[in-house]
Amino acid sequence: MAKSLTLPQVDFQKIADEFRYLNPNDPGAWPLIPKVVILAGWFLAVLIAGWWFVWSDQLTELETKEQEEQTLRQQYLEKKRQAINLDLYTQQLADIDRSFGALLKQLPNKSEIESLLIEINQAGLGRGLQFELFRPGNEEFKDFYAEMPIAVRINGTYHDIGAFAADIAKLPRIVTLNNIAITPMKDGGLLTLDATTKTFRYLDDEEVARQKKALQGAKK
């Protein structure tokens, strides 16, 4: 038959007496159990003190550094992506500059406005139209250009008026027809065109500076 195992009896009273009669001046003579318990207590106290005074701050700093690492990594990836696409961005900017320059060339400067008005008038006369009204209005200033409205009233056939509108669209400068109203005349089967023709010119450096100053003054 197998022998049953019996656990050793622990004499708690004896252990308590060993702790009760410890001589603090002679630790070397202490019994084994008090030595082990006290050493374990000191070890645990050192761990807690280290955590409280040293490791806690270090772990917080480590967490902060890890977050900074993630931020720097994202910044690096973003800058890398920008560097990869730099040539594309440069090409797009060059294309935009060329497009803007081409549009800007379609705007006359101050000295060219008079010749443009003559071109508009000649476009109507070349189609056999009769001008009852050709009255330039006051310029309206924008950021870098000025808009000049011209009130016109023209008499002619439907075909000639349509051809005049097409000629206006083909001018090398930007000219638009706005607020168009066409009414039949009483005699001859002709039509009357009332419209506002708008042309634009770009501002010179002095005018741009004056415009910016005026806008800043209005904001204040």
N, C-alpha and C. Protein backbone atom coordinates (compact mmCIF):
# COMPACT_ATOMS: atom_id res chain seq x y z
N MET A 1 0.83 -1.19 0.00
CA MET A 1 0.00 0.00 0.00
C MET A 1 0.87 1.25 0.00
N ALA A 2 0.40 2.30 -0.73
CA ALA A 2 1.19 3.54 -0.79
C ALA A 2 1.02 4.29 0.49
N LYS A 3 2.16 4.82 0.91
CA LYS A 3 2.13 5.58 2.15
C LYS A 3 1.58 6.98 1.86
N SER A 4 0.73 7.46 2.73
CA SER A 4 0.17 8.82 2.56
C SER A 4 1.19 9.84 3.04
N LEU A 5 1.28 10.96 2.28
CA LEU A 5 2.20 12.04 2.62
C LEU A 5 1.57 12.92 3.67
N THR A 6 2.38 13.31 4.61
CA THR A 6 1.90 14.20 5.68
C THR A 6 2.72 15.47 5.63
N LEU A 7 2.04 16.62 5.70
CA LEU A 7 2.71 17.91 5.68
C LEU A 7 3.32 18.19 7.04
N PRO A 8 4.51 18.80 7.02
CA PRO A 8 5.14 19.13 8.31
C PRO A 8 4.31 20.15 9.05
N GLN A 9 4.30 20.03 10.34
CA GLN A 9 3.57 20.96 11.17
C GLN A 9 4.37 22.25 11.34
N VAL A 10 3.70 23.38 11.14
CA VAL A 10 4.36 24.68 11.28
C VAL A 10 4.02 25.23 12.65
N ASP A 11 5.06 25.52 13.40
CA ASP A 11 4.89 26.06 14.75
C ASP A 11 4.92 27.58 14.67
N PHE A 12 3.74 28.18 14.49
CA PHE A 12 3.66 29.64 14.35
C PHE A 12 4.06 30.35 15.63
N GLN A 13 3.83 29.72 16.74
CA GLN A 13 4.19 30.34 18.01
C GLN A 13 5.70 30.49 18.10
N LYS A 14 6.40 29.43 17.64
CA LYS A 14 7.86 29.47 17.68
C LYS A 14 8.40 30.56 16.76
N ILE A 15 7.77 30.70 15.56
CA ILE A 15 8.21 31.74 14.62
C ILE A 15 7.96 33.12 15.21
N ALA A 16 6.81 33.27 15.84
CA ALA A 16 6.51 34.57 16.46
C ALA A 16 7.51 34.88 17.56
N ASP A 17 7.90 33.85 18.35
CA ASP A 17 8.89 34.08 19.40
C ASP A 17 10.24 34.48 18.82
N GLU A 18 10.59 33.89 17.64
CA GLU A 18 11.86 34.24 17.03
C GLU A 18 11.89 35.73 16.65
N PHE A 19 10.76 36.23 16.16
CA PHE A 19 10.70 37.66 15.82
C PHE A 19 10.68 38.53 17.08
N ARG A 20 10.02 38.00 18.14
CA ARG A 20 9.87 38.80 19.36
C ARG A 20 11.20 39.00 20.06
N TYR A 21 12.06 38.02 20.02
CA TYR A 21 13.31 38.09 20.79
C TYR A 21 14.54 38.38 19.92
N LEU A 22 14.34 39.04 18.77
CA LEU A 22 15.48 39.39 17.92
C LEU A 22 16.33 40.46 18.60
N ASN A 23 17.63 40.30 18.47
CA ASN A 23 18.58 41.28 19.02
C ASN A 23 19.01 42.20 17.88
N PRO A 24 18.55 43.44 17.87
CA PRO A 24 18.90 44.33 16.74
C PRO A 24 20.39 44.62 16.65
N ASN A 25 21.13 44.38 17.75
CA ASN A 25 22.56 44.65 17.72
C ASN A 25 23.37 43.48 17.18
N ASP A 26 22.73 42.36 16.97
CA ASP A 26 23.46 41.18 16.48
C ASP A 26 22.62 40.47 15.42
N PRO A 27 22.49 41.08 14.21
CA PRO A 27 21.69 40.46 13.16
C PRO A 27 22.22 39.11 12.71
N GLY A 28 23.53 38.90 12.86
CA GLY A 28 24.10 37.64 12.42
C GLY A 28 23.60 36.46 13.21
N ALA A 29 23.11 36.70 14.41
CA ALA A 29 22.63 35.61 15.26
C ALA A 29 21.13 35.37 15.09
N TRP A 30 20.50 36.07 14.20
CA TRP A 30 19.06 35.90 14.02
C TRP A 30 18.76 34.53 13.40
N PRO A 31 17.62 33.97 13.72
CA PRO A 31 17.20 32.72 13.08
C PRO A 31 16.96 32.94 11.58
N LEU A 32 16.86 31.85 10.84
CA LEU A 32 16.76 31.91 9.38
C LEU A 32 15.49 32.62 8.90
N ILE A 33 14.36 32.24 9.48
CA ILE A 33 13.09 32.79 8.99
C ILE A 33 13.03 34.31 9.15
N PRO A 34 13.36 34.89 10.31
CA PRO A 34 13.38 36.35 10.41
C PRO A 34 14.35 37.00 9.42
N LYS A 35 15.52 36.35 9.23
CA LYS A 35 16.46 36.92 8.25
C LYS A 35 15.83 37.00 6.86
N VAL A 36 15.21 35.88 6.44
CA VAL A 36 14.61 35.84 5.10
C VAL A 36 13.49 36.85 4.97
N VAL A 37 12.62 36.92 5.99
CA VAL A 37 11.48 37.83 5.92
C VAL A 37 11.94 39.28 5.88
N ILE A 38 12.89 39.64 6.72
CA ILE A 38 13.36 41.03 6.78
C ILE A 38 14.09 41.41 5.49
N LEU A 39 14.94 40.48 4.97
CA LEU A 39 15.62 40.76 3.71
C LEU A 39 14.62 40.96 2.56
N ALA A 40 13.58 40.11 2.55
CA ALA A 40 12.55 40.25 1.53
C ALA A 40 11.82 41.59 1.67
N GLY A 41 11.57 42.00 2.93
CA GLY A 41 10.92 43.28 3.17
C GLY A 41 11.76 44.45 2.67
N TRP A 42 13.09 44.37 2.99
CA TRP A 42 14.00 45.43 2.53
C TRP A 42 14.05 45.48 1.00
N PHE A 43 14.09 44.30 0.38
CA PHE A 43 14.14 44.24 -1.08
C PHE A 43 12.88 44.86 -1.69
N LEU A 44 11.72 44.54 -1.09
CA LEU A 44 10.47 45.10 -1.58
C LEU A 44 10.44 46.62 -1.39
N ALA A 45 10.95 47.08 -0.24
CA ALA A 45 10.99 48.52 0.02
C ALA A 45 11.87 49.25 -0.98
N VAL A 46 13.03 48.62 -1.31
CA VAL A 46 13.93 49.22 -2.30
C VAL A 46 13.24 49.31 -3.66
N LEU A 47 12.49 48.23 -4.03
CA LEU A 47 11.79 48.26 -5.30
C LEU A 47 10.74 49.37 -5.35
N ILE A 48 9.99 49.49 -4.25
CA ILE A 48 8.96 50.53 -4.20
C ILE A 48 9.58 51.92 -4.25
N ALA A 49 10.68 52.12 -3.49
CA ALA A 49 11.35 53.42 -3.50
C ALA A 49 11.92 53.75 -4.88
N GLY A 50 12.53 52.73 -5.51
CA GLY A 50 13.06 52.95 -6.85
C GLY A 50 11.98 53.33 -7.84
N TRP A 51 10.84 52.64 -7.74
CA TRP A 51 9.72 52.96 -8.61
C TRP A 51 9.22 54.38 -8.39
N TRP A 52 9.10 54.74 -7.11
CA TRP A 52 8.52 56.04 -6.76
C TRP A 52 9.45 57.20 -7.13
N PHE A 53 10.74 57.05 -6.81
CA PHE A 53 11.66 58.18 -6.96
C PHE A 53 12.42 58.18 -8.30
N VAL A 54 12.53 57.03 -8.97
CA VAL A 54 13.38 56.97 -10.16
C VAL A 54 12.61 56.45 -11.37
N TRP A 55 12.13 55.24 -11.27
CA TRP A 55 11.59 54.58 -12.45
C TRP A 55 10.30 55.23 -12.95
N SER A 56 9.49 55.76 -12.05
CA SER A 56 8.24 56.37 -12.48
C SER A 56 8.50 57.54 -13.42
N ASP A 57 9.45 58.42 -13.02
CA ASP A 57 9.79 59.55 -13.87
C ASP A 57 10.42 59.09 -15.18
N GLN A 58 11.25 58.06 -15.08
CA GLN A 58 11.89 57.56 -16.29
C GLN A 58 10.87 56.96 -17.26
N LEU A 59 9.89 56.24 -16.71
CA LEU A 59 8.85 55.67 -17.57
C LEU A 59 8.00 56.77 -18.22
N THR A 60 7.71 57.83 -17.43
CA THR A 60 6.96 58.95 -18.01
C THR A 60 7.76 59.62 -19.12
N GLU A 61 9.06 59.81 -18.87
CA GLU A 61 9.92 60.40 -19.90
C GLU A 61 10.01 59.49 -21.13
N LEU A 62 10.07 58.18 -20.88
CA LEU A 62 10.13 57.23 -21.99
C LEU A 62 8.86 57.33 -22.83
N GLU A 63 7.71 57.43 -22.18
CA GLU A 63 6.45 57.55 -22.90
C GLU A 63 6.42 58.83 -23.73
N THR A 64 6.94 59.94 -23.12
CA THR A 64 6.99 61.21 -23.85
C THR A 64 7.89 61.10 -25.07
N LYS A 65 9.04 60.45 -24.89
CA LYS A 65 9.98 60.29 -26.01
C LYS A 65 9.37 59.42 -27.12
N GLU A 66 8.60 58.42 -26.73
CA GLU A 66 7.96 57.57 -27.73
C GLU A 66 6.94 58.38 -28.55
N GLN A 67 6.20 59.27 -27.86
CA GLN A 67 5.26 60.11 -28.58
C GLN A 67 6.00 61.07 -29.51
N GLU A 68 7.12 61.64 -29.03
CA GLU A 68 7.91 62.52 -29.88
C GLU A 68 8.45 61.75 -31.09
N GLU A 69 8.83 60.50 -30.86
CA GLU A 69 9.33 59.67 -31.97
C GLU A 69 8.25 59.49 -33.03
N GLN A 70 7.01 59.23 -32.58
CA GLN A 70 5.92 59.06 -33.53
C GLN A 70 5.67 60.35 -34.33
N THR A 71 5.73 61.50 -33.62
CA THR A 71 5.53 62.79 -34.29
C THR A 71 6.62 63.04 -35.31
N LEU A 72 7.87 62.80 -34.91
CA LEU A 72 8.99 63.00 -35.84
C LEU A 72 8.92 62.05 -37.02
N ARG A 73 8.46 60.83 -36.76
CA ARG A 73 8.32 59.86 -37.84
C ARG A 73 7.28 60.34 -38.87
N GLN A 74 6.15 60.87 -38.35
CA GLN A 74 5.13 61.38 -39.26
C GLN A 74 5.64 62.58 -40.05
N GLN A 75 6.39 63.47 -39.37
CA GLN A 75 6.95 64.61 -40.06
C GLN A 75 7.94 64.17 -41.13
N TYR A 76 8.72 63.16 -40.81
CA TYR A 76 9.70 62.65 -41.78
C TYR A 76 8.99 62.09 -43.01
N LEU A 77 7.93 61.29 -42.76
CA LEU A 77 7.20 60.70 -43.88
C LEU A 77 6.54 61.78 -44.73
N GLU A 78 6.02 62.83 -44.08
CA GLU A 78 5.38 63.91 -44.82
C GLU A 78 6.41 64.65 -45.67
N LYS A 79 7.56 64.96 -45.08
CA LYS A 79 8.61 65.66 -45.83
C LYS A 79 9.17 64.78 -46.95
N LYS A 80 9.24 63.49 -46.69
CA LYS A 80 9.70 62.58 -47.73
C LYS A 80 8.72 62.57 -48.90
N ARG A 81 7.42 62.55 -48.57
CA ARG A 81 6.41 62.57 -49.62
C ARG A 81 6.49 63.87 -50.41
N GLN A 82 6.69 64.99 -49.71
CA GLN A 82 6.82 66.27 -50.39
C GLN A 82 8.05 66.31 -51.28
N ALA A 83 9.16 65.73 -50.78
CA ALA A 83 10.39 65.71 -51.56
C ALA A 83 10.22 64.88 -52.83
N ILE A 84 9.50 63.75 -52.69
CA ILE A 84 9.27 62.90 -53.85
C ILE A 84 8.44 63.64 -54.91
N ASN A 85 7.45 64.42 -54.43
CA ASN A 85 6.56 65.13 -55.35
C ASN A 85 7.02 66.54 -55.67
N LEU A 86 8.23 66.91 -55.24
CA LEU A 86 8.70 68.28 -55.43
C LEU A 86 8.77 68.65 -56.91
N ASP A 87 9.29 67.74 -57.72
CA ASP A 87 9.38 68.03 -59.16
C ASP A 87 8.00 68.25 -59.77
N LEU A 88 7.03 67.43 -59.31
CA LEU A 88 5.67 67.58 -59.82
C LEU A 88 5.08 68.92 -59.41
N TYR A 89 5.28 69.29 -58.12
CA TYR A 89 4.78 70.58 -57.65
C TYR A 89 5.43 71.74 -58.41
N THR A 90 6.73 71.63 -58.65
CA THR A 90 7.44 72.68 -59.38
C THR A 90 6.88 72.82 -60.79
N GLN A 91 6.62 71.68 -61.44
CA GLN A 91 6.06 71.72 -62.79
C GLN A 91 4.66 72.33 -62.78
N GLN A 92 3.84 71.95 -61.78
CA GLN A 92 2.50 72.50 -61.69
C GLN A 92 2.54 74.01 -61.47
N LEU A 93 3.47 74.47 -60.61
CA LEU A 93 3.60 75.90 -60.35
C LEU A 93 4.02 76.64 -61.62
N ALA A 94 4.95 76.04 -62.38
CA ALA A 94 5.37 76.65 -63.64
C ALA A 94 4.21 76.74 -64.62
N ASP A 95 3.39 75.68 -64.68
CA ASP A 95 2.22 75.69 -65.57
C ASP A 95 1.23 76.77 -65.16
N ILE A 96 1.03 76.91 -63.84
CA ILE A 96 0.11 77.94 -63.34
C ILE A 96 0.64 79.33 -63.70
N ASP A 97 1.95 79.53 -63.51
CA ASP A 97 2.55 80.83 -63.86
C ASP A 97 2.37 81.14 -65.34
N ARG A 98 2.57 80.13 -66.19
CA ARG A 98 2.41 80.36 -67.63
C ARG A 98 0.95 80.68 -67.97
N SER A 99 0.02 79.93 -67.35
CA SER A 99 -1.39 80.18 -67.62
C SER A 99 -1.80 81.58 -67.15
N PHE A 100 -1.33 81.95 -65.96
CA PHE A 100 -1.65 83.27 -65.43
C PHE A 100 -1.05 84.36 -66.30
N GLY A 101 0.20 84.12 -66.77
CA GLY A 101 0.83 85.09 -67.64
C GLY A 101 0.09 85.26 -68.94
N ALA A 102 -0.41 84.13 -69.50
CA ALA A 102 -1.18 84.21 -70.74
C ALA A 102 -2.48 84.98 -70.54
N LEU A 103 -3.14 84.75 -69.41
CA LEU A 103 -4.37 85.49 -69.13
C LEU A 103 -4.08 86.97 -68.89
N LEU A 104 -2.96 87.25 -68.22
CA LEU A 104 -2.62 88.63 -67.92
C LEU A 104 -2.34 89.41 -69.19
N LYS A 105 -1.77 88.72 -70.19
CA LYS A 105 -1.49 89.39 -71.46
C LYS A 105 -2.77 89.78 -72.19
N GLN A 106 -3.88 89.15 -71.84
CA GLN A 106 -5.16 89.50 -72.46
C GLN A 106 -5.77 90.74 -71.83
N LEU A 107 -5.16 91.23 -70.76
CA LEU A 107 -5.65 92.45 -70.13
C LEU A 107 -4.77 93.61 -70.59
N PRO A 108 -5.34 94.64 -71.17
CA PRO A 108 -4.53 95.78 -71.60
C PRO A 108 -4.08 96.60 -70.40
N ASN A 109 -3.04 97.37 -70.59
CA ASN A 109 -2.64 98.31 -69.55
C ASN A 109 -3.37 99.64 -69.78
N LYS A 110 -3.04 100.62 -68.97
CA LYS A 110 -3.76 101.89 -69.03
C LYS A 110 -3.62 102.57 -70.39
N SER A 111 -2.45 102.49 -70.97
CA SER A 111 -2.20 103.17 -72.24
C SER A 111 -2.89 102.48 -73.42
N GLU A 112 -3.27 101.20 -73.24
CA GLU A 112 -3.86 100.44 -74.34
C GLU A 112 -5.39 100.46 -74.33
N ILE A 113 -5.99 101.02 -73.28
CA ILE A 113 -7.45 101.03 -73.17
C ILE A 113 -8.08 101.81 -74.31
N GLU A 114 -7.51 102.96 -74.64
CA GLU A 114 -8.10 103.80 -75.68
C GLU A 114 -8.14 103.06 -77.02
N SER A 115 -7.04 102.38 -77.36
CA SER A 115 -7.02 101.63 -78.62
C SER A 115 -8.01 100.47 -78.59
N LEU A 116 -8.22 99.86 -77.41
CA LEU A 116 -9.19 98.77 -77.30
C LEU A 116 -10.61 99.29 -77.52
N LEU A 117 -10.91 100.47 -76.98
CA LEU A 117 -12.23 101.06 -77.19
C LEU A 117 -12.46 101.34 -78.67
N ILE A 118 -11.41 101.77 -79.35
CA ILE A 118 -11.53 102.00 -80.79
C ILE A 118 -11.80 100.69 -81.52
N GLU A 119 -11.15 99.60 -81.09
CA GLU A 119 -11.35 98.30 -81.71
C GLU A 119 -12.80 97.83 -81.56
N ILE A 120 -13.36 98.06 -80.36
CA ILE A 120 -14.76 97.66 -80.13
C ILE A 120 -15.67 98.46 -81.05
N ASN A 121 -15.42 99.77 -81.15
CA ASN A 121 -16.24 100.62 -82.00
C ASN A 121 -16.10 100.21 -83.47
N GLN A 122 -14.87 99.92 -83.90
CA GLN A 122 -14.64 99.54 -85.29
C GLN A 122 -15.28 98.18 -85.61
N ALA A 123 -15.35 97.29 -84.59
CA ALA A 123 -15.99 96.00 -84.80
C ALA A 123 -17.45 96.18 -85.15
N GLY A 124 -18.11 97.15 -84.52
CA GLY A 124 -19.52 97.41 -84.84
C GLY A 124 -19.67 98.10 -86.18
N LEU A 125 -18.85 99.10 -86.44
CA LEU A 125 -18.95 99.83 -87.71
C LEU A 125 -18.60 98.92 -88.88
N GLY A 126 -17.66 97.97 -88.65
CA GLY A 126 -17.28 97.06 -89.73
C GLY A 126 -18.41 96.14 -90.14
N ARG A 127 -19.38 95.95 -89.27
CA ARG A 127 -20.55 95.12 -89.58
C ARG A 127 -21.74 95.96 -90.06
N GLY A 128 -21.47 97.25 -90.28
CA GLY A 128 -22.54 98.11 -90.78
C GLY A 128 -23.54 98.51 -89.71
N LEU A 129 -23.17 98.41 -88.45
CA LEU A 129 -24.07 98.78 -87.36
C LEU A 129 -23.99 100.27 -87.10
N GLN A 130 -25.07 100.83 -86.57
CA GLN A 130 -25.12 102.25 -86.22
C GLN A 130 -25.14 102.39 -84.70
N PHE A 131 -24.16 103.14 -84.19
CA PHE A 131 -24.08 103.37 -82.75
C PHE A 131 -24.92 104.58 -82.37
N GLU A 132 -25.92 104.37 -81.53
CA GLU A 132 -26.64 105.48 -80.92
C GLU A 132 -25.97 105.90 -79.62
N LEU A 133 -25.28 104.92 -78.96
CA LEU A 133 -24.67 105.22 -77.66
C LEU A 133 -23.39 104.40 -77.54
N PHE A 134 -22.34 105.08 -77.12
CA PHE A 134 -21.07 104.40 -76.80
C PHE A 134 -20.44 105.22 -75.68
N ARG A 135 -20.78 104.85 -74.42
CA ARG A 135 -20.41 105.69 -73.29
C ARG A 135 -19.62 104.88 -72.26
N PRO A 136 -18.29 105.05 -72.20
CA PRO A 136 -17.49 104.39 -71.15
C PRO A 136 -17.87 104.91 -69.76
N GLY A 137 -17.95 103.98 -68.81
CA GLY A 137 -18.28 104.36 -67.44
C GLY A 137 -17.04 104.46 -66.57
N ASN A 138 -17.25 104.61 -65.28
CA ASN A 138 -16.14 104.70 -64.33
C ASN A 138 -15.55 103.31 -64.07
N GLU A 139 -14.25 103.27 -63.92
CA GLU A 139 -13.57 102.00 -63.66
C GLU A 139 -13.88 101.52 -62.24
N GLU A 140 -13.99 100.20 -62.10
CA GLU A 140 -14.16 99.57 -60.79
C GLU A 140 -12.90 98.75 -60.51
N PHE A 141 -12.20 99.12 -59.45
CA PHE A 141 -10.91 98.51 -59.16
C PHE A 141 -11.08 97.22 -58.35
N LYS A 142 -10.34 96.20 -58.77
CA LYS A 142 -10.28 94.93 -58.07
C LYS A 142 -8.88 94.77 -57.49
N ASP A 143 -8.48 93.50 -57.19
CA ASP A 143 -7.19 93.25 -56.57
C ASP A 143 -6.03 93.69 -57.46
N PHE A 144 -5.99 93.20 -58.69
CA PHE A 144 -4.87 93.50 -59.57
C PHE A 144 -5.34 93.98 -60.95
N TYR A 145 -6.63 94.22 -61.10
CA TYR A 145 -7.14 94.68 -62.38
C TYR A 145 -8.29 95.66 -62.16
N ALA A 146 -8.63 96.38 -63.23
CA ALA A 146 -9.75 97.31 -63.19
C ALA A 146 -10.76 96.90 -64.25
N GLU A 147 -12.01 97.09 -63.94
CA GLU A 147 -13.11 96.71 -64.84
C GLU A 147 -13.78 97.99 -65.35
N MET A 148 -13.86 98.11 -66.68
CA MET A 148 -14.46 99.31 -67.26
C MET A 148 -15.74 98.94 -68.01
N PRO A 149 -16.90 99.43 -67.57
CA PRO A 149 -18.15 99.17 -68.30
C PRO A 149 -18.35 100.22 -69.40
N ILE A 150 -18.93 99.78 -70.51
CA ILE A 150 -19.23 100.68 -71.62
C ILE A 150 -20.67 100.44 -72.03
N ALA A 151 -21.51 101.43 -71.86
CA ALA A 151 -22.91 101.32 -72.26
C ALA A 151 -23.00 101.56 -73.77
N VAL A 152 -23.62 100.60 -74.47
CA VAL A 152 -23.76 100.73 -75.92
C VAL A 152 -25.21 100.51 -76.33
N ARG A 153 -25.59 101.23 -77.40
CA ARG A 153 -26.88 100.99 -78.06
C ARG A 153 -26.59 100.99 -79.56
N ILE A 154 -26.93 99.86 -80.18
CA ILE A 154 -26.55 99.64 -81.57
C ILE A 154 -27.78 99.23 -82.36
N ASN A 155 -27.88 99.79 -83.55
CA ASN A 155 -28.98 99.43 -84.45
C ASN A 155 -28.42 98.63 -85.63
N GLY A 156 -29.13 97.55 -86.01
CA GLY A 156 -28.70 96.76 -87.15
C GLY A 156 -29.56 95.53 -87.32
N THR A 157 -29.20 94.72 -88.28
CA THR A 157 -29.94 93.48 -88.51
C THR A 157 -29.54 92.42 -87.49
N TYR A 158 -30.38 91.40 -87.40
CA TYR A 158 -30.09 90.31 -86.46
C TYR A 158 -28.76 89.65 -86.81
N HIS A 159 -28.52 89.44 -88.11
CA HIS A 159 -27.28 88.80 -88.55
C HIS A 159 -26.07 89.65 -88.19
N ASP A 160 -26.15 90.97 -88.44
CA ASP A 160 -25.01 91.84 -88.18
C ASP A 160 -24.73 91.97 -86.68
N ILE A 161 -25.79 91.99 -85.88
CA ILE A 161 -25.59 92.08 -84.43
C ILE A 161 -24.93 90.80 -83.92
N GLY A 162 -25.37 89.63 -84.45
CA GLY A 162 -24.74 88.38 -84.05
C GLY A 162 -23.28 88.32 -84.47
N ALA A 163 -22.98 88.83 -85.68
CA ALA A 163 -21.60 88.85 -86.16
C ALA A 163 -20.75 89.77 -85.29
N PHE A 164 -21.34 90.91 -84.86
CA PHE A 164 -20.62 91.84 -83.98
C PHE A 164 -20.27 91.16 -82.65
N ALA A 165 -21.20 90.41 -82.08
CA ALA A 165 -20.94 89.69 -80.83
C ALA A 165 -19.82 88.67 -81.01
N ALA A 166 -19.80 88.00 -82.18
CA ALA A 166 -18.74 87.03 -82.45
C ALA A 166 -17.40 87.73 -82.60
N ASP A 167 -17.39 88.90 -83.24
CA ASP A 167 -16.14 89.65 -83.40
C ASP A 167 -15.59 90.10 -82.05
N ILE A 168 -16.49 90.49 -81.16
CA ILE A 168 -16.07 90.91 -79.82
C ILE A 168 -15.39 89.75 -79.10
N ALA A 169 -15.95 88.55 -79.27
CA ALA A 169 -15.37 87.37 -78.59
C ALA A 169 -14.00 87.01 -79.16
N LYS A 170 -13.73 87.39 -80.41
CA LYS A 170 -12.45 87.04 -81.04
C LYS A 170 -11.35 88.06 -80.79
N LEU A 171 -11.67 89.17 -80.15
CA LEU A 171 -10.64 90.17 -79.88
C LEU A 171 -9.53 89.58 -79.02
N PRO A 172 -8.28 90.01 -79.24
CA PRO A 172 -7.17 89.46 -78.45
C PRO A 172 -7.26 89.83 -76.97
N ARG A 173 -7.98 90.88 -76.66
CA ARG A 173 -8.20 91.28 -75.27
C ARG A 173 -9.54 90.76 -74.77
N ILE A 174 -9.68 90.66 -73.45
CA ILE A 174 -10.92 90.16 -72.87
C ILE A 174 -11.98 91.25 -72.90
N VAL A 175 -13.07 90.98 -73.61
CA VAL A 175 -14.22 91.88 -73.68
C VAL A 175 -15.47 91.02 -73.56
N THR A 176 -16.41 91.46 -72.74
CA THR A 176 -17.65 90.69 -72.54
C THR A 176 -18.85 91.58 -72.82
N LEU A 177 -19.95 90.94 -73.21
CA LEU A 177 -21.22 91.62 -73.39
C LEU A 177 -22.15 91.20 -72.25
N ASN A 178 -22.72 92.18 -71.55
CA ASN A 178 -23.55 91.90 -70.39
C ASN A 178 -24.86 92.70 -70.49
N ASN A 179 -25.86 92.22 -69.73
CA ASN A 179 -27.15 92.92 -69.66
C ASN A 179 -27.72 93.19 -71.06
N ILE A 180 -27.71 92.18 -71.88
CA ILE A 180 -28.13 92.32 -73.28
C ILE A 180 -29.66 92.40 -73.37
N ALA A 181 -30.12 93.36 -74.14
CA ALA A 181 -31.56 93.49 -74.43
C ALA A 181 -31.70 93.85 -75.90
N ILE A 182 -32.49 93.07 -76.64
CA ILE A 182 -32.70 93.31 -78.07
C ILE A 182 -34.18 93.60 -78.31
N THR A 183 -34.44 94.74 -78.95
CA THR A 183 -35.82 95.14 -79.23
C THR A 183 -35.94 95.49 -80.72
N PRO A 184 -37.08 95.21 -81.33
CA PRO A 184 -37.26 95.56 -82.76
C PRO A 184 -37.51 97.06 -82.93
N MET A 185 -36.96 97.62 -84.00
CA MET A 185 -37.21 99.02 -84.33
C MET A 185 -38.53 99.12 -85.10
N LYS A 186 -39.07 100.33 -85.14
CA LYS A 186 -40.37 100.53 -85.79
C LYS A 186 -40.25 100.44 -87.30
N ASP A 187 -39.15 100.88 -87.84
CA ASP A 187 -39.02 100.95 -89.30
C ASP A 187 -37.88 100.06 -89.78
N GLY A 188 -38.04 99.46 -90.95
CA GLY A 188 -36.96 98.80 -91.64
C GLY A 188 -36.63 97.40 -91.20
N GLY A 189 -37.32 96.85 -90.20
CA GLY A 189 -37.05 95.50 -89.75
C GLY A 189 -35.71 95.35 -89.04
N LEU A 190 -35.18 96.47 -88.53
CA LEU A 190 -33.92 96.42 -87.81
C LEU A 190 -34.17 96.18 -86.32
N LEU A 191 -33.09 95.84 -85.63
CA LEU A 191 -33.14 95.60 -84.18
C LEU A 191 -32.25 96.59 -83.46
N THR A 192 -32.58 96.82 -82.20
CA THR A 192 -31.75 97.67 -81.34
C THR A 192 -31.16 96.81 -80.23
N LEU A 193 -29.86 96.88 -80.11
CA LEU A 193 -29.15 96.14 -79.06
C LEU A 193 -28.73 97.11 -77.98
N ASP A 194 -29.24 96.90 -76.77
CA ASP A 194 -28.78 97.63 -75.59
C ASP A 194 -27.97 96.66 -74.75
N ALA A 195 -26.76 97.02 -74.41
CA ALA A 195 -25.90 96.11 -73.64
C ALA A 195 -24.84 96.92 -72.90
N THR A 196 -24.22 96.24 -71.98
CA THR A 196 -23.06 96.80 -71.28
C THR A 196 -21.84 95.97 -71.68
N THR A 197 -20.95 96.60 -72.39
CA THR A 197 -19.71 95.93 -72.78
C THR A 197 -18.67 96.19 -71.69
N LYS A 198 -18.06 95.13 -71.22
CA LYS A 198 -17.05 95.27 -70.17
C LYS A 198 -15.69 94.86 -70.69
N THR A 199 -14.73 95.69 -70.43
CA THR A 199 -13.35 95.32 -70.72
C THR A 199 -12.53 95.49 -69.44
N PHE A 200 -11.36 94.92 -69.44
CA PHE A 200 -10.57 94.86 -68.22
C PHE A 200 -9.13 95.26 -68.54
N ARG A 201 -8.46 95.83 -67.57
CA ARG A 201 -7.04 96.12 -67.70
C ARG A 201 -6.36 95.81 -66.38
N TYR A 202 -5.08 95.47 -66.47
CA TYR A 202 -4.36 95.19 -65.23
C TYR A 202 -3.76 96.48 -64.68
N LEU A 203 -3.63 96.54 -63.39
CA LEU A 203 -3.13 97.72 -62.71
C LEU A 203 -1.60 97.73 -62.71
N ASP A 204 -1.03 98.91 -62.80
CA ASP A 204 0.42 99.01 -62.67
C ASP A 204 0.80 98.93 -61.20
N ASP A 205 2.11 98.89 -60.92
CA ASP A 205 2.58 98.70 -59.55
C ASP A 205 2.09 99.79 -58.61
N GLU A 206 2.08 101.02 -59.09
CA GLU A 206 1.62 102.13 -58.25
C GLU A 206 0.15 101.99 -57.91
N GLU A 207 -0.65 101.58 -58.89
CA GLU A 207 -2.08 101.41 -58.65
C GLU A 207 -2.36 100.24 -57.72
N VAL A 208 -1.59 99.14 -57.86
CA VAL A 208 -1.75 98.00 -56.97
C VAL A 208 -1.44 98.39 -55.53
N ALA A 209 -0.34 99.15 -55.34
CA ALA A 209 0.02 99.60 -53.99
C ALA A 209 -1.06 100.50 -53.42
N ARG A 210 -1.60 101.39 -54.25
CA ARG A 210 -2.66 102.29 -53.78
C ARG A 210 -3.93 101.52 -53.43
N GLN A 211 -4.22 100.48 -54.23
CA GLN A 211 -5.39 99.65 -53.96
C GLN A 211 -5.25 98.89 -52.66
N LYS A 212 -4.06 98.32 -52.41
CA LYS A 212 -3.82 97.59 -51.16
C LYS A 212 -3.93 98.53 -49.96
N LYS A 213 -3.40 99.75 -50.10
CA LYS A 213 -3.48 100.71 -49.02
C LYS A 213 -4.92 101.08 -48.72
N ALA A 214 -5.73 101.25 -49.77
CA ALA A 214 -7.14 101.57 -49.58
C ALA A 214 -7.89 100.44 -48.89
N LEU A 215 -7.57 99.18 -49.26
CA LEU A 215 -8.23 98.04 -48.63
C LEU A 215 -7.86 97.93 -47.16
N GLN A 216 -6.57 98.18 -46.84
CA GLN A 216 -6.14 98.14 -45.45
C GLN A 216 -6.82 99.23 -44.63
N GLY A 217 -6.97 100.42 -45.25
CA GLY A 217 -7.66 101.51 -44.56
C GLY A 217 -9.12 101.19 -44.32
N ALA A 218 -9.75 100.51 -45.28
CA ALA A 218 -11.16 100.14 -45.12
C ALA A 218 -11.34 99.12 -44.00
N LYS A 219 -10.38 98.18 -43.86
CA LYS A 219 -10.47 97.18 -42.79
C LYS A 219 -10.33 97.83 -41.42
N LYS A 220 -9.46 98.85 -41.31
CA LYS A 220 -9.27 99.51 -40.02
C LYS A 220 -10.52 100.29 -39.63
